[in-house]
Every structure is written in C-alpha cells, then in structure tokens.
Amino acid sequence: MTGTEQGSTIGDWIAATNTHDAATYLAFFTEDAVLDDPSVGEVFDGRARINDYFQSYFVNYNTRTRLLSIEPRAAHLHVEVEFTGDFAEGRIGGTFDITMTADRKIQHVRADLLR
C-alpha cells in the first residue's frame, strides 16, 4: 500500500467522521482495533468501544474535523487535524498516529489534543 493510498483512506475517514454516521465511521476500523486517547484518559478496544468514543466526543459535541497534514512515519501515519464543535475551547488542534492493515483498515490509533 502506498502513502497516497493511505492518505486517501485517511481523507475518507475524516470525511466519514464529519457525517456523524457511526456505521460509516466504524467501517474504517478492524474488528479488534484499538483507539488510545490520553486526552480523555482511556483506551477503547474494539469497534463497540470505539463507537462509544465516537458518540461521546464527536457526535455529542457536534465535532467537525479538518485535515491539516499527513506525514508517513516508520510504522504509522502522523495526522494533524483541527477540531471545532460545541466544546469549551470551540476550536483545538489534534493528532492521530494511525497504523493500518494492508487492506487499508485502521488497526490502531493514538489520538491526542494539541494544547
């Protein structure tokens, strides 16, 4: 899989995130994916728990995500984004370090906020 293919998948995933449609969002993850977000102090194992994260921090806060950059690194993609929504800051930067499978499914995400 090329960096261009991975970047395209990440762009599609961000677009899916902004629809707030859980089925579309979750389709990008493997069944056993892990999402680790130190900014909320939790690790979310599997699609059901990742859905809890999505509902809590994206749907419930009407969060919109704008893709700023994608940088291929040794074993993952480093993605910088900007979040806007109905949360205290109103606008805040964030990062995702994403590991994908050969068939372009998200296996692991480390998400964090830039404060």
PDB file of N, CA and C in Angstrom:
ATOM      1  N   MET A   1       0.852  -1.175   0.000  1.00  0.00           N
ATOM      2  CA  MET A   1       0.000   0.000   0.000  1.00  0.00           C
ATOM      3  C   MET A   1       0.899   1.240   0.000  1.00  0.00           C
ATOM      4  N   THR A   2       0.576   2.183  -0.841  1.00  0.00           N
ATOM      5  CA  THR A   2       1.387   3.390  -0.952  1.00  0.00           C
ATOM      6  C   THR A   2       0.919   4.449   0.036  1.00  0.00           C
ATOM      7  N   GLY A   3       1.784   5.426   0.259  1.00  0.00           N
ATOM      8  CA  GLY A   3       1.416   6.556   1.104  1.00  0.00           C
ATOM      9  C   GLY A   3       0.229   7.311   0.546  1.00  0.00           C
ATOM     10  N   THR A   4       0.131   7.371  -0.786  1.00  0.00           N
ATOM     11  CA  THR A   4      -1.008   8.046  -1.418  1.00  0.00           C
ATOM     12  C   THR A   4      -2.306   7.316  -1.110  1.00  0.00           C
ATOM     13  N   GLU A   5      -2.275   5.976  -1.180  1.00  0.00           N
ATOM     14  CA  GLU A   5      -3.472   5.189  -0.852  1.00  0.00           C
ATOM     15  C   GLU A   5      -3.858   5.371   0.611  1.00  0.00           C
ATOM     16  N   GLN A   6      -2.869   5.345   1.483  1.00  0.00           N
ATOM     17  CA  GLN A   6      -3.144   5.548   2.903  1.00  0.00           C
ATOM     18  C   GLN A   6      -3.710   6.944   3.144  1.00  0.00           C
ATOM     19  N   GLY A   7      -3.122   7.940   2.518  1.00  0.00           N
ATOM     20  CA  GLY A   7      -3.607   9.313   2.665  1.00  0.00           C
ATOM     21  C   GLY A   7      -5.030   9.465   2.183  1.00  0.00           C
ATOM     22  N   SER A   8      -5.356   8.805   1.081  1.00  0.00           N
ATOM     23  CA  SER A   8      -6.721   8.827   0.560  1.00  0.00           C
ATOM     24  C   SER A   8      -7.684   8.203   1.559  1.00  0.00           C
ATOM     25  N   THR A   9      -7.279   7.090   2.158  1.00  0.00           N
ATOM     26  CA  THR A   9      -8.115   6.433   3.169  1.00  0.00           C
ATOM     27  C   THR A   9      -8.323   7.349   4.368  1.00  0.00           C
ATOM     28  N   ILE A  10      -7.272   8.022   4.811  1.00  0.00           N
ATOM     29  CA  ILE A  10      -7.398   8.933   5.953  1.00  0.00           C
ATOM     30  C   ILE A  10      -8.332  10.088   5.604  1.00  0.00           C
ATOM     31  N   GLY A  11      -8.216  10.637   4.416  1.00  0.00           N
ATOM     32  CA  GLY A  11      -9.136  11.694   3.985  1.00  0.00           C
ATOM     33  C   GLY A  11     -10.579  11.222   3.988  1.00  0.00           C
ATOM     34  N   ASP A  12     -10.799  10.002   3.509  1.00  0.00           N
ATOM     35  CA  ASP A  12     -12.155   9.432   3.511  1.00  0.00           C
ATOM     36  C   ASP A  12     -12.653   9.198   4.935  1.00  0.00           C
ATOM     37  N   TRP A  13     -11.755   8.760   5.826  1.00  0.00           N
ATOM     38  CA  TRP A  13     -12.120   8.528   7.228  1.00  0.00           C
ATOM     39  C   TRP A  13     -12.515   9.837   7.911  1.00  0.00           C
ATOM     40  N   ILE A  14     -11.750  10.896   7.665  1.00  0.00           N
ATOM     41  CA  ILE A  14     -12.088  12.206   8.241  1.00  0.00           C
ATOM     42  C   ILE A  14     -13.444  12.663   7.715  1.00  0.00           C
ATOM     43  N   ALA A  15     -13.694  12.489   6.425  1.00  0.00           N
ATOM     44  CA  ALA A  15     -14.999  12.853   5.854  1.00  0.00           C
ATOM     45  C   ALA A  15     -16.115  12.050   6.514  1.00  0.00           C
ATOM     46  N   ALA A  16     -15.882  10.766   6.745  1.00  0.00           N
ATOM     47  CA  ALA A  16     -16.882   9.922   7.413  1.00  0.00           C
ATOM     48  C   ALA A  16     -17.118  10.388   8.845  1.00  0.00           C
ATOM     49  N   THR A  17     -16.048  10.791   9.522  1.00  0.00           N
ATOM     50  CA  THR A  17     -16.172  11.307  10.887  1.00  0.00           C
ATOM     51  C   THR A  17     -17.131  12.491  10.917  1.00  0.00           C
ATOM     52  N   ASN A  18     -17.020  13.362   9.937  1.00  0.00           N
ATOM     53  CA  ASN A  18     -17.838  14.574   9.910  1.00  0.00           C
ATOM     54  C   ASN A  18     -19.303  14.324   9.575  1.00  0.00           C
ATOM     55  N   THR A  19     -19.644  13.133   9.088  1.00  0.00           N
ATOM     56  CA  THR A  19     -21.059  12.818   8.839  1.00  0.00           C
ATOM     57  C   THR A  19     -21.780  12.454  10.126  1.00  0.00           C
ATOM     58  N   HIS A  20     -21.013  12.091  11.154  1.00  0.00           N
ATOM     59  CA  HIS A  20     -21.554  11.620  12.446  1.00  0.00           C
ATOM     60  C   HIS A  20     -22.366  10.341  12.288  1.00  0.00           C
ATOM     61  N   ASP A  21     -22.115   9.599  11.209  1.00  0.00           N
ATOM     62  CA  ASP A  21     -22.774   8.315  10.988  1.00  0.00           C
ATOM     63  C   ASP A  21     -21.849   7.208  11.502  1.00  0.00           C
ATOM     64  N   ALA A  22     -22.268   6.563  12.586  1.00  0.00           N
ATOM     65  CA  ALA A  22     -21.407   5.582  13.251  1.00  0.00           C
ATOM     66  C   ALA A  22     -21.028   4.419  12.342  1.00  0.00           C
ATOM     67  N   ALA A  23     -21.969   3.889  11.586  1.00  0.00           N
ATOM     68  CA  ALA A  23     -21.671   2.732  10.733  1.00  0.00           C
ATOM     69  C   ALA A  23     -20.604   3.078   9.701  1.00  0.00           C
ATOM     70  N   THR A  24     -20.706   4.249   9.107  1.00  0.00           N
ATOM     71  CA  THR A  24     -19.722   4.680   8.114  1.00  0.00           C
ATOM     72  C   THR A  24     -18.357   4.874   8.766  1.00  0.00           C
ATOM     73  N   TYR A  25     -18.334   5.526   9.913  1.00  0.00           N
ATOM     74  CA  TYR A  25     -17.094   5.769  10.655  1.00  0.00           C
ATOM     75  C   TYR A  25     -16.426   4.458  11.058  1.00  0.00           C
ATOM     76  N   LEU A  26     -17.199   3.556  11.648  1.00  0.00           N
ATOM     77  CA  LEU A  26     -16.647   2.304  12.172  1.00  0.00           C
ATOM     78  C   LEU A  26     -16.179   1.353  11.079  1.00  0.00           C
ATOM     79  N   ALA A  27     -16.707   1.488   9.869  1.00  0.00           N
ATOM     80  CA  ALA A  27     -16.308   0.617   8.760  1.00  0.00           C
ATOM     81  C   ALA A  27     -14.825   0.770   8.412  1.00  0.00           C
ATOM     82  N   PHE A  28     -14.205   1.854   8.838  1.00  0.00           N
ATOM     83  CA  PHE A  28     -12.786   2.073   8.560  1.00  0.00           C
ATOM     84  C   PHE A  28     -11.868   1.290   9.502  1.00  0.00           C
ATOM     85  N   PHE A  29     -12.426   0.730  10.588  1.00  0.00           N
ATOM     86  CA  PHE A  29     -11.636   0.045  11.614  1.00  0.00           C
ATOM     87  C   PHE A  29     -11.726  -1.469  11.475  1.00  0.00           C
ATOM     88  N   THR A  30     -10.650  -2.169  11.863  1.00  0.00           N
ATOM     89  CA  THR A  30     -10.734  -3.620  12.015  1.00  0.00           C
ATOM     90  C   THR A  30     -11.622  -3.913  13.224  1.00  0.00           C
ATOM     91  N   GLU A  31     -12.119  -5.138  13.304  1.00  0.00           N
ATOM     92  CA  GLU A  31     -12.978  -5.519  14.439  1.00  0.00           C
ATOM     93  C   GLU A  31     -12.257  -5.366  15.774  1.00  0.00           C
ATOM     94  N   ASP A  32     -10.952  -5.646  15.779  1.00  0.00           N
ATOM     95  CA  ASP A  32     -10.194  -5.614  17.030  1.00  0.00           C
ATOM     96  C   ASP A  32      -9.314  -4.369  17.163  1.00  0.00           C
ATOM     97  N   ALA A  33      -9.660  -3.320  16.464  1.00  0.00           N
ATOM     98  CA  ALA A  33      -8.880  -2.082  16.510  1.00  0.00           C
ATOM     99  C   ALA A  33      -8.825  -1.524  17.934  1.00  0.00           C
ATOM    100  N   VAL A  34      -7.791  -0.732  18.173  1.00  0.00           N
ATOM    101  CA  VAL A  34      -7.608  -0.066  19.461  1.00  0.00           C
ATOM    102  C   VAL A  34      -7.441   1.424  19.206  1.00  0.00           C
ATOM    103  N   LEU A  35      -8.162   2.232  19.979  1.00  0.00           N
ATOM    104  CA  LEU A  35      -8.023   3.681  19.933  1.00  0.00           C
ATOM    105  C   LEU A  35      -7.607   4.136  21.330  1.00  0.00           C
ATOM    106  N   ASP A  36      -6.417   4.691  21.424  1.00  0.00           N
ATOM    107  CA  ASP A  36      -5.837   5.149  22.687  1.00  0.00           C
ATOM    108  C   ASP A  36      -5.844   6.672  22.666  1.00  0.00           C
ATOM    109  N   ASP A  37      -6.573   7.289  23.602  1.00  0.00           N
ATOM    110  CA  ASP A  37      -6.661   8.750  23.639  1.00  0.00           C
ATOM    111  C   ASP A  37      -6.304   9.257  25.031  1.00  0.00           C
ATOM    112  N   PRO A  38      -5.022   9.608  25.253  1.00  0.00           N
ATOM    113  CA  PRO A  38      -4.611  10.115  26.558  1.00  0.00           C
ATOM    114  C   PRO A  38      -5.357  11.378  26.981  1.00  0.00           C
ATOM    115  N   SER A  39      -5.837  12.175  26.025  1.00  0.00           N
ATOM    116  CA  SER A  39      -6.535  13.413  26.387  1.00  0.00           C
ATOM    117  C   SER A  39      -7.838  13.143  27.125  1.00  0.00           C
ATOM    118  N   VAL A  40      -8.417  11.955  26.944  1.00  0.00           N
ATOM    119  CA  VAL A  40      -9.629  11.585  27.690  1.00  0.00           C
ATOM    120  C   VAL A  40      -9.330  10.498  28.718  1.00  0.00           C
ATOM    121  N   GLY A  41      -8.079  10.036  28.753  1.00  0.00           N
ATOM    122  CA  GLY A  41      -7.651   9.076  29.759  1.00  0.00           C
ATOM    123  C   GLY A  41      -8.180   7.673  29.581  1.00  0.00           C
ATOM    124  N   GLU A  42      -8.447   7.278  28.333  1.00  0.00           N
ATOM    125  CA  GLU A  42      -8.990   5.936  28.102  1.00  0.00           C
ATOM    126  C   GLU A  42      -8.396   5.292  26.863  1.00  0.00           C
ATOM    127  N   VAL A  43      -8.437   3.965  26.881  1.00  0.00           N
ATOM    128  CA  VAL A  43      -8.119   3.143  25.717  1.00  0.00           C
ATOM    129  C   VAL A  43      -9.409   2.432  25.338  1.00  0.00           C
ATOM    130  N   PHE A  44      -9.771   2.495  24.067  1.00  0.00           N
ATOM    131  CA  PHE A  44     -11.018   1.921  23.571  1.00  0.00           C
ATOM    132  C   PHE A  44     -10.678   0.720  22.695  1.00  0.00           C
ATOM    133  N   ASP A  45     -11.008  -0.482  23.183  1.00  0.00           N
ATOM    134  CA  ASP A  45     -10.689  -1.731  22.496  1.00  0.00           C
ATOM    135  C   ASP A  45     -11.892  -2.237  21.716  1.00  0.00           C
ATOM    136  N   GLY A  46     -11.726  -2.419  20.402  1.00  0.00           N
ATOM    137  CA  GLY A  46     -12.778  -2.977  19.558  1.00  0.00           C
ATOM    138  C   GLY A  46     -13.770  -1.926  19.079  1.00  0.00           C
ATOM    139  N   ARG A  47     -14.489  -2.290  18.037  1.00  0.00           N
ATOM    140  CA  ARG A  47     -15.423  -1.348  17.413  1.00  0.00           C
ATOM    141  C   ARG A  47     -16.507  -0.836  18.353  1.00  0.00           C
ATOM    142  N   ALA A  48     -17.034  -1.691  19.235  1.00  0.00           N
ATOM    143  CA  ALA A  48     -18.106  -1.244  20.137  1.00  0.00           C
ATOM    144  C   ALA A  48     -17.610  -0.121  21.044  1.00  0.00           C
ATOM    145  N   ARG A  49     -16.414  -0.278  21.590  1.00  0.00           N
ATOM    146  CA  ARG A  49     -15.860   0.769  22.465  1.00  0.00           C
ATOM    147  C   ARG A  49     -15.438   1.998  21.660  1.00  0.00           C
ATOM    148  N   ILE A  50     -14.943   1.795  20.446  1.00  0.00           N
ATOM    149  CA  ILE A  50     -14.603   2.933  19.593  1.00  0.00           C
ATOM    150  C   ILE A  50     -15.871   3.704  19.250  1.00  0.00           C
ATOM    151  N   ASN A  51     -16.981   3.015  19.080  1.00  0.00           N
ATOM    152  CA  ASN A  51     -18.255   3.695  18.861  1.00  0.00           C
ATOM    153  C   ASN A  51     -18.630   4.548  20.077  1.00  0.00           C
ATOM    154  N   ASP A  52     -18.403   4.044  21.286  1.00  0.00           N
ATOM    155  CA  ASP A  52     -18.654   4.845  22.495  1.00  0.00           C
ATOM    156  C   ASP A  52     -17.858   6.146  22.447  1.00  0.00           C
ATOM    157  N   TYR A  53     -16.593   6.047  22.068  1.00  0.00           N
ATOM    158  CA  TYR A  53     -15.718   7.222  21.934  1.00  0.00           C
ATOM    159  C   TYR A  53     -16.281   8.187  20.891  1.00  0.00           C
ATOM    160  N   PHE A  54     -16.642   7.652  19.737  1.00  0.00           N
ATOM    161  CA  PHE A  54     -17.169   8.467  18.644  1.00  0.00           C
ATOM    162  C   PHE A  54     -18.433   9.211  19.075  1.00  0.00           C
ATOM    163  N   GLN A  55     -19.350   8.511  19.716  1.00  0.00           N
ATOM    164  CA  GLN A  55     -20.597   9.139  20.173  1.00  0.00           C
ATOM    165  C   GLN A  55     -20.308  10.227  21.211  1.00  0.00           C
ATOM    166  N   SER A  56     -19.441   9.910  22.171  1.00  0.00           N
ATOM    167  CA  SER A  56     -19.154  10.843  23.266  1.00  0.00           C
ATOM    168  C   SER A  56     -18.439  12.105  22.811  1.00  0.00           C
ATOM    169  N   TYR A  57     -17.434  11.967  21.957  1.00  0.00           N
ATOM    170  CA  TYR A  57     -16.557  13.099  21.666  1.00  0.00           C
ATOM    171  C   TYR A  57     -16.755  13.728  20.289  1.00  0.00           C
ATOM    172  N   PHE A  58     -17.482  13.074  19.414  1.00  0.00           N
ATOM    173  CA  PHE A  58     -17.724  13.646  18.092  1.00  0.00           C
ATOM    174  C   PHE A  58     -19.199  13.966  17.887  1.00  0.00           C
ATOM    175  N   VAL A  59     -20.059  12.994  18.050  1.00  0.00           N
ATOM    176  CA  VAL A  59     -21.490  13.223  17.836  1.00  0.00           C
ATOM    177  C   VAL A  59     -22.043  14.165  18.897  1.00  0.00           C
ATOM    178  N   ASN A  60     -21.814  13.863  20.170  1.00  0.00           N
ATOM    179  CA  ASN A  60     -22.410  14.654  21.253  1.00  0.00           C
ATOM    180  C   ASN A  60     -21.916  16.092  21.313  1.00  0.00           C
ATOM    181  N   TYR A  61     -20.717  16.347  20.829  1.00  0.00           N
ATOM    182  CA  TYR A  61     -20.176  17.712  20.810  1.00  0.00           C
ATOM    183  C   TYR A  61     -20.245  18.350  19.422  1.00  0.00           C
ATOM    184  N   ASN A  62     -20.946  17.693  18.500  1.00  0.00           N
ATOM    185  CA  ASN A  62     -21.062  18.204  17.134  1.00  0.00           C
ATOM    186  C   ASN A  62     -19.680  18.573  16.576  1.00  0.00           C
ATOM    187  N   THR A  63     -18.714  17.714  16.829  1.00  0.00           N
ATOM    188  CA  THR A  63     -17.330  17.971  16.431  1.00  0.00           C
ATOM    189  C   THR A  63     -17.157  17.801  14.926  1.00  0.00           C
ATOM    190  N   ARG A  64     -16.460  18.753  14.338  1.00  0.00           N
ATOM    191  CA  ARG A  64     -16.058  18.696  12.939  1.00  0.00           C
ATOM    192  C   ARG A  64     -14.538  18.645  12.919  1.00  0.00           C
ATOM    193  N   THR A  65     -14.011  17.840  12.029  1.00  0.00           N
ATOM    194  CA  THR A  65     -12.569  17.634  11.954  1.00  0.00           C
ATOM    195  C   THR A  65     -12.073  18.105  10.595  1.00  0.00           C
ATOM    196  N   ARG A  66     -11.024  18.935  10.625  1.00  0.00           N
ATOM    197  CA  ARG A  66     -10.408  19.411   9.382  1.00  0.00           C
ATOM    198  C   ARG A  66      -8.996  18.836   9.302  1.00  0.00           C
ATOM    199  N   LEU A  67      -8.724  18.142   8.224  1.00  0.00           N
ATOM    200  CA  LEU A  67      -7.418  17.536   7.990  1.00  0.00           C
ATOM    201  C   LEU A  67      -6.408  18.626   7.636  1.00  0.00           C
ATOM    202  N   LEU A  68      -5.309  18.680   8.382  1.00  0.00           N
ATOM    203  CA  LEU A  68      -4.259  19.662   8.117  1.00  0.00           C
ATOM    204  C   LEU A  68      -3.059  19.047   7.410  1.00  0.00           C
ATOM    205  N   SER A  69      -2.623  17.860   7.865  1.00  0.00           N
ATOM    206  CA  SER A  69      -1.460  17.235   7.232  1.00  0.00           C
ATOM    207  C   SER A  69      -1.413  15.745   7.546  1.00  0.00           C
ATOM    208  N   ILE A  70      -0.746  15.030   6.651  1.00  0.00           N
ATOM    209  CA  ILE A  70      -0.475  13.602   6.832  1.00  0.00           C
ATOM    210  C   ILE A  70       1.008  13.394   6.567  1.00  0.00           C
ATOM    211  N   GLU A  71       1.694  12.800   7.533  1.00  0.00           N
ATOM    212  CA  GLU A  71       3.125  12.541   7.396  1.00  0.00           C
ATOM    213  C   GLU A  71       3.398  11.056   7.620  1.00  0.00           C
ATOM    214  N   PRO A  72       3.848  10.344   6.576  1.00  0.00           N
ATOM    215  CA  PRO A  72       4.226   8.945   6.773  1.00  0.00           C
ATOM    216  C   PRO A  72       5.441   8.860   7.693  1.00  0.00           C
ATOM    217  N   ARG A  73       5.351   7.982   8.667  1.00  0.00           N
ATOM    218  CA  ARG A  73       6.478   7.713   9.562  1.00  0.00           C
ATOM    219  C   ARG A  73       6.808   6.235   9.445  1.00  0.00           C
ATOM    220  N   ALA A  74       7.796   5.766  10.172  1.00  0.00           N
ATOM    221  CA  ALA A  74       8.298   4.396  10.007  1.00  0.00           C
ATOM    222  C   ALA A  74       7.187   3.352  10.003  1.00  0.00           C
ATOM    223  N   ALA A  75       6.354   3.324  11.014  1.00  0.00           N
ATOM    224  CA  ALA A  75       5.350   2.258  11.124  1.00  0.00           C
ATOM    225  C   ALA A  75       3.919   2.776  11.156  1.00  0.00           C
ATOM    226  N   HIS A  76       3.734   4.081  10.980  1.00  0.00           N
ATOM    227  CA  HIS A  76       2.389   4.643  11.067  1.00  0.00           C
ATOM    228  C   HIS A  76       2.306   5.951  10.285  1.00  0.00           C
ATOM    229  N   LEU A  77       1.124   6.505  10.239  1.00  0.00           N
ATOM    230  CA  LEU A  77       0.907   7.830   9.671  1.00  0.00           C
ATOM    231  C   LEU A  77       0.674   8.802  10.814  1.00  0.00           C
ATOM    232  N   HIS A  78       1.318   9.945  10.758  1.00  0.00           N
ATOM    233  CA  HIS A  78       1.083  11.008  11.734  1.00  0.00           C
ATOM    234  C   HIS A  78       0.164  12.030  11.061  1.00  0.00           C
ATOM    235  N   VAL A  79      -0.999  12.225  11.654  1.00  0.00           N
ATOM    236  CA  VAL A  79      -2.026  13.076  11.062  1.00  0.00           C
ATOM    237  C   VAL A  79      -2.297  14.244  12.004  1.00  0.00           C
ATOM    238  N   GLU A  80      -2.254  15.464  11.469  1.00  0.00           N
ATOM    239  CA  GLU A  80      -2.618  16.643  12.257  1.00  0.00           C
ATOM    240  C   GLU A  80      -3.950  17.163  11.757  1.00  0.00           C
ATOM    241  N   VAL A  81      -4.805  17.530  12.721  1.00  0.00           N
ATOM    242  CA  VAL A  81      -6.158  17.983  12.417  1.00  0.00           C
ATOM    243  C   VAL A  81      -6.507  19.192  13.276  1.00  0.00           C
ATOM    244  N   GLU A  82      -7.625  19.806  12.927  1.00  0.00           N
ATOM    245  CA  GLU A  82      -8.221  20.845  13.759  1.00  0.00           C
ATOM    246  C   GLU A  82      -9.654  20.432  14.035  1.00  0.00           C
ATOM    247  N   PHE A  83     -10.031  20.470  15.311  1.00  0.00           N
ATOM    248  CA  PHE A  83     -11.393  20.155  15.723  1.00  0.00           C
ATOM    249  C   PHE A  83     -12.139  21.444  16.034  1.00  0.00           C
ATOM    250  N   THR A  84     -13.384  21.522  15.591  1.00  0.00           N
ATOM    251  CA  THR A  84     -14.291  22.586  16.014  1.00  0.00           C
ATOM    252  C   THR A  84     -15.578  21.922  16.464  1.00  0.00           C
ATOM    253  N   GLY A  85     -16.288  22.581  17.379  1.00  0.00           N
ATOM    254  CA  GLY A  85     -17.540  21.994  17.843  1.00  0.00           C
ATOM    255  C   GLY A  85     -18.068  22.679  19.079  1.00  0.00           C
ATOM    256  N   ASP A  86     -19.033  22.036  19.699  1.00  0.00           N
ATOM    257  CA  ASP A  86     -19.729  22.579  20.861  1.00  0.00           C
ATOM    258  C   ASP A  86     -19.049  22.139  22.156  1.00  0.00           C
ATOM    259  N   PHE A  87     -17.760  22.360  22.259  1.00  0.00           N
ATOM    260  CA  PHE A  87     -16.996  22.052  23.462  1.00  0.00           C
ATOM    261  C   PHE A  87     -16.353  23.350  23.949  1.00  0.00           C
ATOM    262  N   ALA A  88     -15.831  23.332  25.157  1.00  0.00           N
ATOM    263  CA  ALA A  88     -15.380  24.560  25.827  1.00  0.00           C
ATOM    264  C   ALA A  88     -14.446  25.418  24.971  1.00  0.00           C
ATOM    265  N   GLU A  89     -13.456  24.806  24.339  1.00  0.00           N
ATOM    266  CA  GLU A  89     -12.488  25.576  23.557  1.00  0.00           C
ATOM    267  C   GLU A  89     -13.071  26.091  22.248  1.00  0.00           C
ATOM    268  N   GLY A  90     -14.037  25.388  21.699  1.00  0.00           N
ATOM    269  CA  GLY A  90     -14.621  25.760  20.414  1.00  0.00           C
ATOM    270  C   GLY A  90     -13.776  25.362  19.218  1.00  0.00           C
ATOM    271  N   ARG A  91     -12.456  25.401  19.392  1.00  0.00           N
ATOM    272  CA  ARG A  91     -11.507  25.039  18.326  1.00  0.00           C
ATOM    273  C   ARG A  91     -10.219  24.582  19.003  1.00  0.00           C
ATOM    274  N   ILE A  92      -9.697  23.450  18.563  1.00  0.00           N
ATOM    275  CA  ILE A  92      -8.451  22.944  19.146  1.00  0.00           C
ATOM    276  C   ILE A  92      -7.765  22.010  18.151  1.00  0.00           C
ATOM    277  N   GLY A  93      -6.456  21.993  18.194  1.00  0.00           N
ATOM    278  CA  GLY A  93      -5.692  21.102  17.337  1.00  0.00           C
ATOM    279  C   GLY A  93      -5.612  19.704  17.920  1.00  0.00           C
ATOM    280  N   GLY A  94      -5.336  18.754  17.043  1.00  0.00           N
ATOM    281  CA  GLY A  94      -5.207  17.377  17.492  1.00  0.00           C
ATOM    282  C   GLY A  94      -4.307  16.582  16.574  1.00  0.00           C
ATOM    283  N   THR A  95      -3.930  15.406  17.054  1.00  0.00           N
ATOM    284  CA  THR A  95      -3.123  14.493  16.250  1.00  0.00           C
ATOM    285  C   THR A  95      -3.696  13.087  16.330  1.00  0.00           C
ATOM    286  N   PHE A  96      -3.458  12.339  15.278  1.00  0.00           N
ATOM    287  CA  PHE A  96      -3.735  10.909  15.239  1.00  0.00           C
ATOM    288  C   PHE A  96      -2.471  10.231  14.721  1.00  0.00           C
ATOM    289  N   ASP A  97      -1.973   9.246  15.434  1.00  0.00           N
ATOM    290  CA  ASP A  97      -0.925   8.367  14.918  1.00  0.00           C
ATOM    291  C   ASP A  97      -1.616   7.055  14.589  1.00  0.00           C
ATOM    292  N   ILE A  98      -1.675   6.724  13.303  1.00  0.00           N
ATOM    293  CA  ILE A  98      -2.538   5.659  12.799  1.00  0.00           C
ATOM    294  C   ILE A  98      -1.717   4.546  12.160  1.00  0.00           C
ATOM    295  N   THR A  99      -1.995   3.316  12.586  1.00  0.00           N
ATOM    296  CA  THR A  99      -1.425   2.122  11.976  1.00  0.00           C
ATOM    297  C   THR A  99      -2.534   1.426  11.205  1.00  0.00           C
ATOM    298  N   MET A 100      -2.246   1.098   9.948  1.00  0.00           N
ATOM    299  CA  MET A 100      -3.251   0.488   9.080  1.00  0.00           C
ATOM    300  C   MET A 100      -2.809  -0.901   8.634  1.00  0.00           C
ATOM    301  N   THR A 101      -3.795  -1.728   8.289  1.00  0.00           N
ATOM    302  CA  THR A 101      -3.523  -3.043   7.720  1.00  0.00           C
ATOM    303  C   THR A 101      -3.259  -2.902   6.225  1.00  0.00           C
ATOM    304  N   ALA A 102      -2.822  -3.979   5.597  1.00  0.00           N
ATOM    305  CA  ALA A 102      -2.557  -3.969   4.155  1.00  0.00           C
ATOM    306  C   ALA A 102      -3.811  -3.665   3.344  1.00  0.00           C
ATOM    307  N   ASP A 103      -4.989  -3.998   3.889  1.00  0.00           N
ATOM    308  CA  ASP A 103      -6.232  -3.709   3.163  1.00  0.00           C
ATOM    309  C   ASP A 103      -6.850  -2.377   3.590  1.00  0.00           C
ATOM    310  N   ARG A 104      -6.008  -1.492   4.140  1.00  0.00           N
ATOM    311  CA  ARG A 104      -6.368  -0.105   4.456  1.00  0.00           C
ATOM    312  C   ARG A 104      -7.445   0.031   5.528  1.00  0.00           C
ATOM    313  N   LYS A 105      -7.434  -0.871   6.490  1.00  0.00           N
ATOM    314  CA  LYS A 105      -8.290  -0.746   7.673  1.00  0.00           C
ATOM    315  C   LYS A 105      -7.434  -0.195   8.812  1.00  0.00           C
ATOM    316  N   ILE A 106      -8.051   0.595   9.668  1.00  0.00           N
ATOM    317  CA  ILE A 106      -7.339   1.160  10.810  1.00  0.00           C
ATOM    318  C   ILE A 106      -7.247   0.103  11.905  1.00  0.00           C
ATOM    319  N   GLN A 107      -6.016  -0.209  12.310  1.00  0.00           N
ATOM    320  CA  GLN A 107      -5.748  -1.206  13.349  1.00  0.00           C
ATOM    321  C   GLN A 107      -5.521  -0.544  14.708  1.00  0.00           C
ATOM    322  N   HIS A 108      -4.829   0.589  14.699  1.00  0.00           N
ATOM    323  CA  HIS A 108      -4.506   1.273  15.956  1.00  0.00           C
ATOM    324  C   HIS A 108      -4.461   2.781  15.719  1.00  0.00           C
ATOM    325  N   VAL A 109      -5.014   3.518  16.676  1.00  0.00           N
ATOM    326  CA  VAL A 109      -4.956   4.980  16.647  1.00  0.00           C
ATOM    327  C   VAL A 109      -4.519   5.466  18.019  1.00  0.00           C
ATOM    328  N   ARG A 110      -3.554   6.357  18.023  1.00  0.00           N
ATOM    329  CA  ARG A 110      -3.248   7.106  19.238  1.00  0.00           C
ATOM    330  C   ARG A 110      -3.670   8.532  18.941  1.00  0.00           C
ATOM    331  N   ALA A 111      -4.718   8.972  19.628  1.00  0.00           N
ATOM    332  CA  ALA A 111      -5.276  10.308  19.419  1.00  0.00           C
ATOM    333  C   ALA A 111      -4.868  11.205  20.573  1.00  0.00           C
ATOM    334  N   ASP A 112      -4.645  12.479  20.286  1.00  0.00           N
ATOM    335  CA  ASP A 112      -4.342  13.415  21.364  1.00  0.00           C
ATOM    336  C   ASP A 112      -4.688  14.827  20.910  1.00  0.00           C
ATOM    337  N   LEU A 113      -4.812  15.700  21.884  1.00  0.00           N
ATOM    338  CA  LEU A 113      -5.085  17.105  21.609  1.00  0.00           C
ATOM    339  C   LEU A 113      -3.793  17.898  21.695  1.00  0.00           C
ATOM    340  N   LEU A 114      -3.707  18.969  20.919  1.00  0.00           N
ATOM    341  CA  LEU A 114      -2.572  19.893  20.980  1.00  0.00           C
ATOM    342  C   LEU A 114      -3.021  21.089  21.802  1.00  0.00           C
ATOM    343  N   ARG A 115      -2.500  21.204  22.977  1.00  0.00           N
ATOM    344  CA  ARG A 115      -2.910  22.301  23.880  1.00  0.00           C
ATOM    345  C   ARG A 115      -1.828  23.344  23.972  1.00  0.00           C
TER     346      ARG A 115
END
